[in-house]
Amino acid sequence: MPMMRGGASIHSMKITFKLFASLTDFLPQQHRTANQVTLEVAQGATILQIIEPFGLPEKIVDLVLINGKFIAPEDRATLALQPDDVLAIWPPIAGG
């Protein structure tokens, strides 16, 4: 079992998870107004591992940024986040 420090596992890290537009409905109710939540995730967690528990359908996960940098769909299953990263996701944007 991992050692614990201050209530957090030394094998975990905190990130900020932001969802925009219609995706905010997938956040816990108390976090929807701010459209973000601080998460404690396993070190080495990938984007797909982080979003999976929130139940976001893959077809509505369009624009994905880590710290403002675009992450291509083919990299989302393998790119590991780092402590204090900000993961932001937008749905497809309809235009006219």
C-alpha atoms as a PDB file:
ATOM      1  CA  MET A   1       0.000   0.000   0.000  1.00  0.00           C
ATOM      2  CA  PRO A   2       1.397   3.475  -0.892  1.00  0.00           C
ATOM      3  CA  MET A   3       2.542   5.699   1.928  1.00  0.00           C
ATOM      4  CA  MET A   4       0.263   8.592   2.730  1.00  0.00           C
ATOM      5  CA  ARG A   5       1.339  12.185   3.318  1.00  0.00           C
ATOM      6  CA  GLY A   6      -1.168  14.796   4.385  1.00  0.00           C
ATOM      7  CA  GLY A   7      -4.045  12.571   3.328  1.00  0.00           C
ATOM      8  CA  ALA A   8      -2.706  12.145  -0.198  1.00  0.00           C
ATOM      9  CA  SER A   9      -0.885   9.168  -1.594  1.00  0.00           C
ATOM     10  CA  ILE A  10       2.693   9.806  -2.682  1.00  0.00           C
ATOM     11  CA  HIS A  11       1.670   8.006  -5.871  1.00  0.00           C
ATOM     12  CA  SER A  12      -0.979  10.575  -6.764  1.00  0.00           C
ATOM     13  CA  MET A  13      -1.048  14.153  -7.950  1.00  0.00           C
ATOM     14  CA  LYS A  14      -3.508  17.017  -8.238  1.00  0.00           C
ATOM     15  CA  ILE A  15      -4.708  18.451 -11.526  1.00  0.00           C
ATOM     16  CA  THR A  16      -7.402  20.919 -12.523  1.00  0.00           C
ATOM     17  CA  PHE A  17     -10.117  19.481 -14.770  1.00  0.00           C
ATOM     18  CA  LYS A  18     -12.224  21.971 -16.736  1.00  0.00           C
ATOM     19  CA  LEU A  19     -15.239  21.268 -18.924  1.00  0.00           C
ATOM     20  CA  PHE A  20     -16.852  23.901 -21.124  1.00  0.00           C
ATOM     21  CA  ALA A  21     -20.224  24.569 -22.742  1.00  0.00           C
ATOM     22  CA  SER A  22     -22.592  21.572 -22.606  1.00  0.00           C
ATOM     23  CA  LEU A  23     -19.880  19.384 -21.073  1.00  0.00           C
ATOM     24  CA  THR A  24     -20.192  21.140 -17.702  1.00  0.00           C
ATOM     25  CA  ASP A  25     -23.236  18.926 -17.084  1.00  0.00           C
ATOM     26  CA  PHE A  26     -20.803  16.018 -16.604  1.00  0.00           C
ATOM     27  CA  LEU A  27     -19.164  17.708 -13.604  1.00  0.00           C
ATOM     28  CA  PRO A  28     -20.505  17.188 -10.067  1.00  0.00           C
ATOM     29  CA  GLN A  29     -23.359  19.648  -9.451  1.00  0.00           C
ATOM     30  CA  GLN A  30     -21.392  21.812  -6.986  1.00  0.00           C
ATOM     31  CA  HIS A  31     -18.624  22.424  -9.547  1.00  0.00           C
ATOM     32  CA  ARG A  32     -20.726  23.318 -12.603  1.00  0.00           C
ATOM     33  CA  THR A  33     -20.879  27.065 -11.970  1.00  0.00           C
ATOM     34  CA  ALA A  34     -17.079  27.328 -11.898  1.00  0.00           C
ATOM     35  CA  ASN A  35     -16.835  24.686 -14.685  1.00  0.00           C
ATOM     36  CA  GLN A  36     -13.824  23.086 -13.006  1.00  0.00           C
ATOM     37  CA  VAL A  37     -12.817  20.668 -10.287  1.00  0.00           C
ATOM     38  CA  THR A  38      -9.507  19.817  -8.657  1.00  0.00           C
ATOM     39  CA  LEU A  39      -8.847  16.095  -8.964  1.00  0.00           C
ATOM     40  CA  GLU A  40      -6.407  13.798  -7.269  1.00  0.00           C
ATOM     41  CA  VAL A  41      -5.325  11.260  -9.875  1.00  0.00           C
ATOM     42  CA  ALA A  42      -2.684   8.563 -10.155  1.00  0.00           C
ATOM     43  CA  GLN A  43       0.738   9.677 -11.320  1.00  0.00           C
ATOM     44  CA  GLY A  44       1.031   8.870 -15.006  1.00  0.00           C
ATOM     45  CA  ALA A  45      -2.732   9.114 -15.599  1.00  0.00           C
ATOM     46  CA  THR A  46      -3.673   9.761 -19.210  1.00  0.00           C
ATOM     47  CA  ILE A  47      -6.391  12.048 -20.526  1.00  0.00           C
ATOM     48  CA  LEU A  48      -8.692   9.134 -21.304  1.00  0.00           C
ATOM     49  CA  GLN A  49      -8.180   7.651 -17.832  1.00  0.00           C
ATOM     50  CA  ILE A  50      -9.124  10.975 -16.261  1.00  0.00           C
ATOM     51  CA  ILE A  51     -12.270  11.592 -18.298  1.00  0.00           C
ATOM     52  CA  GLU A  52     -13.555   7.992 -18.236  1.00  0.00           C
ATOM     53  CA  PRO A  53     -15.138   8.191 -14.733  1.00  0.00           C
ATOM     54  CA  PHE A  54     -17.083  11.296 -15.812  1.00  0.00           C
ATOM     55  CA  GLY A  55     -18.849   9.365 -18.587  1.00  0.00           C
ATOM     56  CA  LEU A  56     -18.100  11.788 -21.407  1.00  0.00           C
ATOM     57  CA  PRO A  57     -18.964  10.164 -24.741  1.00  0.00           C
ATOM     58  CA  GLU A  58     -15.863  10.216 -26.966  1.00  0.00           C
ATOM     59  CA  LYS A  59     -17.812  11.807 -29.851  1.00  0.00           C
ATOM     60  CA  ILE A  60     -18.439  14.964 -27.811  1.00  0.00           C
ATOM     61  CA  VAL A  61     -14.834  15.343 -26.601  1.00  0.00           C
ATOM     62  CA  ASP A  62     -13.558  17.613 -29.346  1.00  0.00           C
ATOM     63  CA  LEU A  63     -10.955  20.182 -28.303  1.00  0.00           C
ATOM     64  CA  VAL A  64      -8.573  18.986 -25.574  1.00  0.00           C
ATOM     65  CA  LEU A  65      -5.891  21.219 -24.077  1.00  0.00           C
ATOM     66  CA  ILE A  66      -3.295  20.637 -21.383  1.00  0.00           C
ATOM     67  CA  ASN A  67      -2.016  23.942 -20.015  1.00  0.00           C
ATOM     68  CA  GLY A  68      -3.318  25.631 -23.163  1.00  0.00           C
ATOM     69  CA  LYS A  69      -1.597  23.237 -25.587  1.00  0.00           C
ATOM     70  CA  PHE A  70      -3.730  21.265 -28.059  1.00  0.00           C
ATOM     71  CA  ILE A  71      -3.625  17.491 -27.646  1.00  0.00           C
ATOM     72  CA  ALA A  72      -4.395  15.488 -30.795  1.00  0.00           C
ATOM     73  CA  PRO A  73      -6.973  12.679 -30.503  1.00  0.00           C
ATOM     74  CA  GLU A  74      -4.344  10.015 -31.202  1.00  0.00           C
ATOM     75  CA  ASP A  75      -2.301  11.168 -28.167  1.00  0.00           C
ATOM     76  CA  ARG A  76      -5.101  11.225 -25.593  1.00  0.00           C
ATOM     77  CA  ALA A  77      -4.763   7.569 -24.569  1.00  0.00           C
ATOM     78  CA  THR A  78      -1.010   7.706 -24.000  1.00  0.00           C
ATOM     79  CA  LEU A  79      -0.034  11.236 -22.936  1.00  0.00           C
ATOM     80  CA  ALA A  80       0.479  11.319 -19.155  1.00  0.00           C
ATOM     81  CA  LEU A  81      -0.446  14.421 -17.192  1.00  0.00           C
ATOM     82  CA  GLN A  82       1.957  16.029 -14.738  1.00  0.00           C
ATOM     83  CA  PRO A  83       1.256  17.468 -11.268  1.00  0.00           C
ATOM     84  CA  ASP A  84      -0.680  20.769 -11.376  1.00  0.00           C
ATOM     85  CA  ASP A  85      -1.593  20.400 -15.065  1.00  0.00           C
ATOM     86  CA  VAL A  86      -4.828  21.983 -16.262  1.00  0.00           C
ATOM     87  CA  LEU A  87      -6.869  19.678 -18.502  1.00  0.00           C
ATOM     88  CA  ALA A  88      -9.564  21.578 -20.431  1.00  0.00           C
ATOM     89  CA  ILE A  89     -12.120  20.024 -22.789  1.00  0.00           C
ATOM     90  CA  TRP A  90     -14.672  21.545 -25.164  1.00  0.00           C
ATOM     91  CA  PRO A  91     -17.437  19.851 -27.164  1.00  0.00           C
ATOM     92  CA  PRO A  92     -17.707  20.281 -30.946  1.00  0.00           C
ATOM     93  CA  ILE A  93     -18.652  23.870 -31.758  1.00  0.00           C
ATOM     94  CA  ALA A  94     -21.491  24.392 -34.218  1.00  0.00           C
ATOM     95  CA  GLY A  95     -21.181  27.463 -36.381  1.00  0.00           C
ATOM     96  CA  GLY A  96     -23.258  29.311 -38.848  1.00  0.00           C
END
